[in-house]
Amino acid sequence: QDSSDDIEDVSLFDADDDVSRRSRKSKIRHPVASFFHLFFRVSAIVVYLLCELLTSSFIACMVTIILLLSCDFWAVKNVTGRLMVGLRWWNQVDDDGRSHWVFEARKVSAQGGKTSSEAESRIFWLGLITCPMIWVIFAFSALFSFKVKWLAVVVMGVVLQGANLYGYIRCKVGSRKNLTSMATNYLGKQFLRQ
């Protein structure tokens, strides 16, 4: 009976240790960055949806949405990507006038663990992927409903958020890898598993 109690104690202790490790991994280390990562994106979508209900001025709505999208582009590209997932990208022009895209990923720490939490990573990638998809839906909606004046605003949303999505996907998978070959390799592996 004592030996089974010892086994249970050890197992409970290991489970508590795993729970504490898991909570440290899932803890949000940069709450302000996480908030602003979603704030500008969601605010631009909400303003687009409610703009015609709140005001009749198209110019005021357009300027507000474009400012929110621009703030989002800058914040995600320069701050939240670096803090939340350790990725950065930028365009560099050399002396000859040639443009070079630079993609960086944070190195793994000396202990072998990541410095970003799983919760922040989920927030980052969900926000980065879902919002451009919503803007694409808005683009088709504006196109098929013949709202030409809103099409320019929606295209700005698709371009700015799509550029960030593309840049961070390139950071994540590596700048030298071809995205289409990587996608086909992934789908091939999934097909063989089944």
C-alpha atoms as a PDB file:
ATOM      1  CA  GLN A   1       0.000   0.000   0.000  1.00  0.00           C
ATOM      2  CA  ASP A   2       2.866   2.381   0.778  1.00  0.00           C
ATOM      3  CA  SER A   3       4.509   1.653  -2.552  1.00  0.00           C
ATOM      4  CA  SER A   4       1.339   2.535  -4.466  1.00  0.00           C
ATOM      5  CA  ASP A   5       1.056   5.771  -2.476  1.00  0.00           C
ATOM      6  CA  ASP A   6       4.644   6.598  -3.411  1.00  0.00           C
ATOM      7  CA  ILE A   7       3.891   5.963  -7.056  1.00  0.00           C
ATOM      8  CA  GLU A   8       0.826   8.143  -6.895  1.00  0.00           C
ATOM      9  CA  ASP A   9       2.760  10.926  -5.160  1.00  0.00           C
ATOM     10  CA  VAL A  10       5.444  10.856  -7.810  1.00  0.00           C
ATOM     11  CA  SER A  11       2.885  10.879 -10.581  1.00  0.00           C
ATOM     12  CA  LEU A  12       1.001  13.779  -9.017  1.00  0.00           C
ATOM     13  CA  PHE A  13       4.238  15.680  -8.561  1.00  0.00           C
ATOM     14  CA  ASP A  14       5.188  15.104 -12.208  1.00  0.00           C
ATOM     15  CA  ALA A  15       1.715  16.165 -13.303  1.00  0.00           C
ATOM     16  CA  ASP A  16       1.976  19.350 -11.220  1.00  0.00           C
ATOM     17  CA  ASP A  17       5.379  20.014 -12.734  1.00  0.00           C
ATOM     18  CA  ASP A  18       3.956  19.507 -16.247  1.00  0.00           C
ATOM     19  CA  VAL A  19       1.031  21.808 -15.443  1.00  0.00           C
ATOM     20  CA  SER A  20       3.378  24.511 -14.181  1.00  0.00           C
ATOM     21  CA  ARG A  21       5.540  24.145 -17.297  1.00  0.00           C
ATOM     22  CA  ARG A  22       2.451  24.272 -19.492  1.00  0.00           C
ATOM     23  CA  SER A  23       1.149  27.369 -17.726  1.00  0.00           C
ATOM     24  CA  ARG A  24       4.497  29.072 -18.193  1.00  0.00           C
ATOM     25  CA  LYS A  25       4.430  28.218 -21.885  1.00  0.00           C
ATOM     26  CA  SER A  26       0.871  29.394 -22.351  1.00  0.00           C
ATOM     27  CA  LYS A  27       1.270  32.541 -20.266  1.00  0.00           C
ATOM     28  CA  ILE A  28       1.141  35.740 -22.279  1.00  0.00           C
ATOM     29  CA  ARG A  29       4.442  37.525 -21.733  1.00  0.00           C
ATOM     30  CA  HIS A  30       3.653  40.623 -23.794  1.00  0.00           C
ATOM     31  CA  PRO A  31       0.010  41.525 -23.090  1.00  0.00           C
ATOM     32  CA  VAL A  32       0.269  45.037 -24.585  1.00  0.00           C
ATOM     33  CA  ALA A  33       1.756  43.697 -27.820  1.00  0.00           C
ATOM     34  CA  SER A  34      -0.904  40.967 -27.942  1.00  0.00           C
ATOM     35  CA  PHE A  35      -3.641  43.553 -27.419  1.00  0.00           C
ATOM     36  CA  PHE A  36      -2.400  45.879 -30.158  1.00  0.00           C
ATOM     37  CA  HIS A  37      -1.773  42.971 -32.514  1.00  0.00           C
ATOM     38  CA  LEU A  38      -5.504  42.346 -32.528  1.00  0.00           C
ATOM     39  CA  PHE A  39      -6.788  45.858 -31.740  1.00  0.00           C
ATOM     40  CA  PHE A  40      -5.873  47.591 -35.020  1.00  0.00           C
ATOM     41  CA  ARG A  41      -6.925  44.606 -37.128  1.00  0.00           C
ATOM     42  CA  VAL A  42     -10.282  44.098 -35.477  1.00  0.00           C
ATOM     43  CA  SER A  43     -10.932  47.851 -35.241  1.00  0.00           C
ATOM     44  CA  ALA A  44     -10.454  48.276 -38.994  1.00  0.00           C
ATOM     45  CA  ILE A  45     -12.922  45.444 -39.661  1.00  0.00           C
ATOM     46  CA  VAL A  46     -15.475  46.805 -37.171  1.00  0.00           C
ATOM     47  CA  VAL A  47     -15.215  50.332 -38.599  1.00  0.00           C
ATOM     48  CA  TYR A  48     -15.707  48.932 -42.109  1.00  0.00           C
ATOM     49  CA  LEU A  49     -18.796  47.006 -41.032  1.00  0.00           C
ATOM     50  CA  LEU A  50     -20.397  49.814 -39.009  1.00  0.00           C
ATOM     51  CA  CYS A  51     -19.271  52.815 -41.023  1.00  0.00           C
ATOM     52  CA  GLU A  52     -22.390  53.302 -43.109  1.00  0.00           C
ATOM     53  CA  LEU A  53     -24.566  52.963 -39.995  1.00  0.00           C
ATOM     54  CA  LEU A  54     -22.635  55.533 -37.966  1.00  0.00           C
ATOM     55  CA  THR A  55     -21.910  58.251 -40.526  1.00  0.00           C
ATOM     56  CA  SER A  56     -22.695  59.210 -44.082  1.00  0.00           C
ATOM     57  CA  SER A  57     -19.204  60.556 -44.794  1.00  0.00           C
ATOM     58  CA  PHE A  58     -17.330  58.078 -46.969  1.00  0.00           C
ATOM     59  CA  ILE A  59     -14.095  60.085 -46.717  1.00  0.00           C
ATOM     60  CA  ALA A  60     -14.060  59.986 -42.901  1.00  0.00           C
ATOM     61  CA  CYS A  61     -14.654  56.243 -42.941  1.00  0.00           C
ATOM     62  CA  MET A  62     -12.024  55.631 -45.589  1.00  0.00           C
ATOM     63  CA  VAL A  63      -9.383  57.689 -43.771  1.00  0.00           C
ATOM     64  CA  THR A  64     -10.148  55.985 -40.453  1.00  0.00           C
ATOM     65  CA  ILE A  65      -9.926  52.506 -41.951  1.00  0.00           C
ATOM     66  CA  ILE A  66      -6.714  53.258 -43.846  1.00  0.00           C
ATOM     67  CA  LEU A  67      -5.128  54.761 -40.704  1.00  0.00           C
ATOM     68  CA  LEU A  68      -6.083  51.682 -38.683  1.00  0.00           C
ATOM     69  CA  LEU A  69      -4.718  49.378 -41.395  1.00  0.00           C
ATOM     70  CA  SER A  70      -1.489  51.386 -41.586  1.00  0.00           C
ATOM     71  CA  CYS A  71      -1.054  51.298 -37.809  1.00  0.00           C
ATOM     72  CA  ASP A  72      -1.696  47.576 -37.905  1.00  0.00           C
ATOM     73  CA  PHE A  73       0.861  47.041 -40.674  1.00  0.00           C
ATOM     74  CA  TRP A  74       3.520  48.995 -38.790  1.00  0.00           C
ATOM     75  CA  ALA A  75       2.772  47.428 -35.391  1.00  0.00           C
ATOM     76  CA  VAL A  76       2.736  43.864 -36.685  1.00  0.00           C
ATOM     77  CA  LYS A  77       5.786  44.253 -38.898  1.00  0.00           C
ATOM     78  CA  ASN A  78       7.971  46.129 -36.432  1.00  0.00           C
ATOM     79  CA  VAL A  79       6.781  45.234 -32.933  1.00  0.00           C
ATOM     80  CA  THR A  80       4.374  42.355 -32.392  1.00  0.00           C
ATOM     81  CA  GLY A  81       6.051  39.890 -34.762  1.00  0.00           C
ATOM     82  CA  ARG A  82       9.380  40.382 -33.046  1.00  0.00           C
ATOM     83  CA  LEU A  83       7.983  40.188 -29.514  1.00  0.00           C
ATOM     84  CA  MET A  84       5.326  37.501 -29.892  1.00  0.00           C
ATOM     85  CA  VAL A  85       6.987  34.976 -32.230  1.00  0.00           C
ATOM     86  CA  GLY A  86      10.533  36.246 -32.750  1.00  0.00           C
ATOM     87  CA  LEU A  87      10.222  36.892 -36.492  1.00  0.00           C
ATOM     88  CA  ARG A  88      11.115  40.000 -38.533  1.00  0.00           C
ATOM     89  CA  TRP A  89      11.211  40.889 -42.197  1.00  0.00           C
ATOM     90  CA  TRP A  90      12.100  43.976 -44.186  1.00  0.00           C
ATOM     91  CA  ASN A  91      13.177  45.193 -47.594  1.00  0.00           C
ATOM     92  CA  GLN A  92      16.691  46.511 -48.050  1.00  0.00           C
ATOM     93  CA  VAL A  93      17.978  48.412 -51.078  1.00  0.00           C
ATOM     94  CA  ASP A  94      21.707  48.078 -51.769  1.00  0.00           C
ATOM     95  CA  ASP A  95      24.024  50.659 -53.371  1.00  0.00           C
ATOM     96  CA  ASP A  96      23.254  49.360 -56.873  1.00  0.00           C
ATOM     97  CA  GLY A  97      19.544  49.993 -56.362  1.00  0.00           C
ATOM     98  CA  ARG A  98      18.609  46.324 -56.120  1.00  0.00           C
ATOM     99  CA  SER A  99      15.965  45.350 -53.630  1.00  0.00           C
ATOM    100  CA  HIS A 100      16.651  42.500 -51.209  1.00  0.00           C
ATOM    101  CA  TRP A 101      14.143  40.967 -48.833  1.00  0.00           C
ATOM    102  CA  VAL A 102      15.570  40.041 -45.444  1.00  0.00           C
ATOM    103  CA  PHE A 103      13.882  37.477 -43.205  1.00  0.00           C
ATOM    104  CA  GLU A 104      14.998  36.839 -39.621  1.00  0.00           C
ATOM    105  CA  ALA A 105      13.989  34.390 -36.929  1.00  0.00           C
ATOM    106  CA  ARG A 106      15.001  34.561 -33.265  1.00  0.00           C
ATOM    107  CA  LYS A 107      17.563  31.994 -32.291  1.00  0.00           C
ATOM    108  CA  VAL A 108      16.569  29.334 -29.775  1.00  0.00           C
ATOM    109  CA  SER A 109      17.757  30.138 -26.246  1.00  0.00           C
ATOM    110  CA  ALA A 110      20.682  28.323 -24.579  1.00  0.00           C
ATOM    111  CA  GLN A 111      18.367  26.060 -22.567  1.00  0.00           C
ATOM    112  CA  GLY A 112      16.855  24.831 -25.815  1.00  0.00           C
ATOM    113  CA  GLY A 113      13.456  26.339 -25.134  1.00  0.00           C
ATOM    114  CA  LYS A 114      11.596  28.971 -27.034  1.00  0.00           C
ATOM    115  CA  THR A 115      11.415  32.481 -25.670  1.00  0.00           C
ATOM    116  CA  SER A 116       7.893  33.056 -26.977  1.00  0.00           C
ATOM    117  CA  SER A 117       4.854  31.454 -25.388  1.00  0.00           C
ATOM    118  CA  GLU A 118       2.390  29.162 -27.124  1.00  0.00           C
ATOM    119  CA  ALA A 119      -0.550  31.441 -26.305  1.00  0.00           C
ATOM    120  CA  GLU A 120       1.145  34.439 -27.910  1.00  0.00           C
ATOM    121  CA  SER A 121       2.064  32.372 -30.926  1.00  0.00           C
ATOM    122  CA  ARG A 122      -1.561  31.235 -31.349  1.00  0.00           C
ATOM    123  CA  ILE A 123      -2.848  34.795 -30.980  1.00  0.00           C
ATOM    124  CA  PHE A 124      -0.290  36.052 -33.483  1.00  0.00           C
ATOM    125  CA  TRP A 125      -0.925  33.447 -36.171  1.00  0.00           C
ATOM    126  CA  LEU A 126      -4.715  33.391 -35.795  1.00  0.00           C
ATOM    127  CA  GLY A 127      -4.873  37.172 -36.108  1.00  0.00           C
ATOM    128  CA  LEU A 128      -2.397  37.163 -38.976  1.00  0.00           C
ATOM    129  CA  ILE A 129      -4.292  34.541 -40.980  1.00  0.00           C
ATOM    130  CA  THR A 130      -7.973  35.219 -40.277  1.00  0.00           C
ATOM    131  CA  CYS A 131      -8.057  38.982 -40.808  1.00  0.00           C
ATOM    132  CA  PRO A 132      -6.704  38.918 -44.398  1.00  0.00           C
ATOM    133  CA  MET A 133      -9.232  36.189 -45.160  1.00  0.00           C
ATOM    134  CA  ILE A 134     -11.991  38.458 -43.868  1.00  0.00           C
ATOM    135  CA  TRP A 135     -10.726  41.306 -46.088  1.00  0.00           C
ATOM    136  CA  VAL A 136     -10.755  38.960 -49.097  1.00  0.00           C
ATOM    137  CA  ILE A 137     -14.407  38.134 -48.325  1.00  0.00           C
ATOM    138  CA  PHE A 138     -15.102  41.883 -48.090  1.00  0.00           C
ATOM    139  CA  ALA A 139     -13.388  42.357 -51.473  1.00  0.00           C
ATOM    140  CA  PHE A 140     -15.632  39.812 -53.171  1.00  0.00           C
ATOM    141  CA  SER A 141     -18.646  41.293 -51.423  1.00  0.00           C
ATOM    142  CA  ALA A 142     -17.797  44.824 -52.595  1.00  0.00           C
ATOM    143  CA  LEU A 143     -17.057  43.586 -56.102  1.00  0.00           C
ATOM    144  CA  PHE A 144     -20.258  41.591 -56.525  1.00  0.00           C
ATOM    145  CA  SER A 145     -22.467  44.238 -54.905  1.00  0.00           C
ATOM    146  CA  PHE A 146     -20.939  46.917 -57.183  1.00  0.00           C
ATOM    147  CA  LYS A 147     -19.731  49.092 -54.296  1.00  0.00           C
ATOM    148  CA  VAL A 148     -16.812  50.455 -56.281  1.00  0.00           C
ATOM    149  CA  LYS A 149     -15.965  53.224 -53.807  1.00  0.00           C
ATOM    150  CA  TRP A 150     -15.456  50.640 -51.036  1.00  0.00           C
ATOM    151  CA  LEU A 151     -13.391  48.386 -53.276  1.00  0.00           C
ATOM    152  CA  ALA A 152     -10.327  50.638 -52.959  1.00  0.00           C
ATOM    153  CA  VAL A 153     -10.519  50.503 -49.164  1.00  0.00           C
ATOM    154  CA  VAL A 154     -10.949  46.755 -49.144  1.00  0.00           C
ATOM    155  CA  VAL A 155      -8.059  46.271 -51.558  1.00  0.00           C
ATOM    156  CA  MET A 156      -5.865  48.285 -49.165  1.00  0.00           C
ATOM    157  CA  GLY A 157      -6.892  45.906 -46.378  1.00  0.00           C
ATOM    158  CA  VAL A 158      -6.048  42.872 -48.484  1.00  0.00           C
ATOM    159  CA  VAL A 159      -2.698  44.309 -49.602  1.00  0.00           C
ATOM    160  CA  LEU A 160      -1.459  45.555 -46.217  1.00  0.00           C
ATOM    161  CA  GLN A 161      -2.522  42.540 -44.210  1.00  0.00           C
ATOM    162  CA  GLY A 162      -1.622  40.125 -46.998  1.00  0.00           C
ATOM    163  CA  ALA A 163       1.897  41.590 -47.197  1.00  0.00           C
ATOM    164  CA  ASN A 164       2.413  40.974 -43.491  1.00  0.00           C
ATOM    165  CA  LEU A 165       1.039  37.448 -43.817  1.00  0.00           C
ATOM    166  CA  TYR A 166       3.324  36.682 -46.757  1.00  0.00           C
ATOM    167  CA  GLY A 167       6.367  38.179 -45.019  1.00  0.00           C
ATOM    168  CA  TYR A 168       5.838  36.218 -41.830  1.00  0.00           C
ATOM    169  CA  ILE A 169       5.160  32.965 -43.658  1.00  0.00           C
ATOM    170  CA  ARG A 170       8.435  33.465 -45.484  1.00  0.00           C
ATOM    171  CA  CYS A 171      10.139  34.136 -42.136  1.00  0.00           C
ATOM    172  CA  LYS A 172       8.645  31.009 -40.613  1.00  0.00           C
ATOM    173  CA  VAL A 173       9.507  28.580 -43.401  1.00  0.00           C
ATOM    174  CA  GLY A 174      12.771  30.205 -44.463  1.00  0.00           C
ATOM    175  CA  SER A 175      13.404  32.733 -47.159  1.00  0.00           C
ATOM    176  CA  ARG A 176      15.139  30.326 -49.542  1.00  0.00           C
ATOM    177  CA  LYS A 177      12.458  27.679 -49.649  1.00  0.00           C
ATOM    178  CA  ASN A 178       9.811  27.834 -52.317  1.00  0.00           C
ATOM    179  CA  LEU A 179       6.391  28.063 -50.673  1.00  0.00           C
ATOM    180  CA  THR A 180       4.614  26.019 -53.344  1.00  0.00           C
ATOM    181  CA  SER A 181       7.082  23.129 -53.121  1.00  0.00           C
ATOM    182  CA  MET A 182       6.782  23.195 -49.340  1.00  0.00           C
ATOM    183  CA  ALA A 183       2.980  23.092 -49.547  1.00  0.00           C
ATOM    184  CA  THR A 184       3.030  20.165 -51.992  1.00  0.00           C
ATOM    185  CA  ASN A 185       5.507  18.282 -49.783  1.00  0.00           C
ATOM    186  CA  TYR A 186       3.263  18.827 -46.745  1.00  0.00           C
ATOM    187  CA  LEU A 187       0.142  17.696 -48.606  1.00  0.00           C
ATOM    188  CA  GLY A 188       2.026  14.668 -49.944  1.00  0.00           C
ATOM    189  CA  LYS A 189       3.073  13.654 -46.432  1.00  0.00           C
ATOM    190  CA  GLN A 190      -0.489  14.054 -45.173  1.00  0.00           C
ATOM    191  CA  PHE A 191      -1.795  11.925 -48.044  1.00  0.00           C
ATOM    192  CA  LEU A 192       0.746   9.162 -47.356  1.00  0.00           C
ATOM    193  CA  ARG A 193      -0.114   9.167 -43.639  1.00  0.00           C
ATOM    194  CA  GLN A 194      -3.743   8.481 -44.390  1.00  0.00           C
END
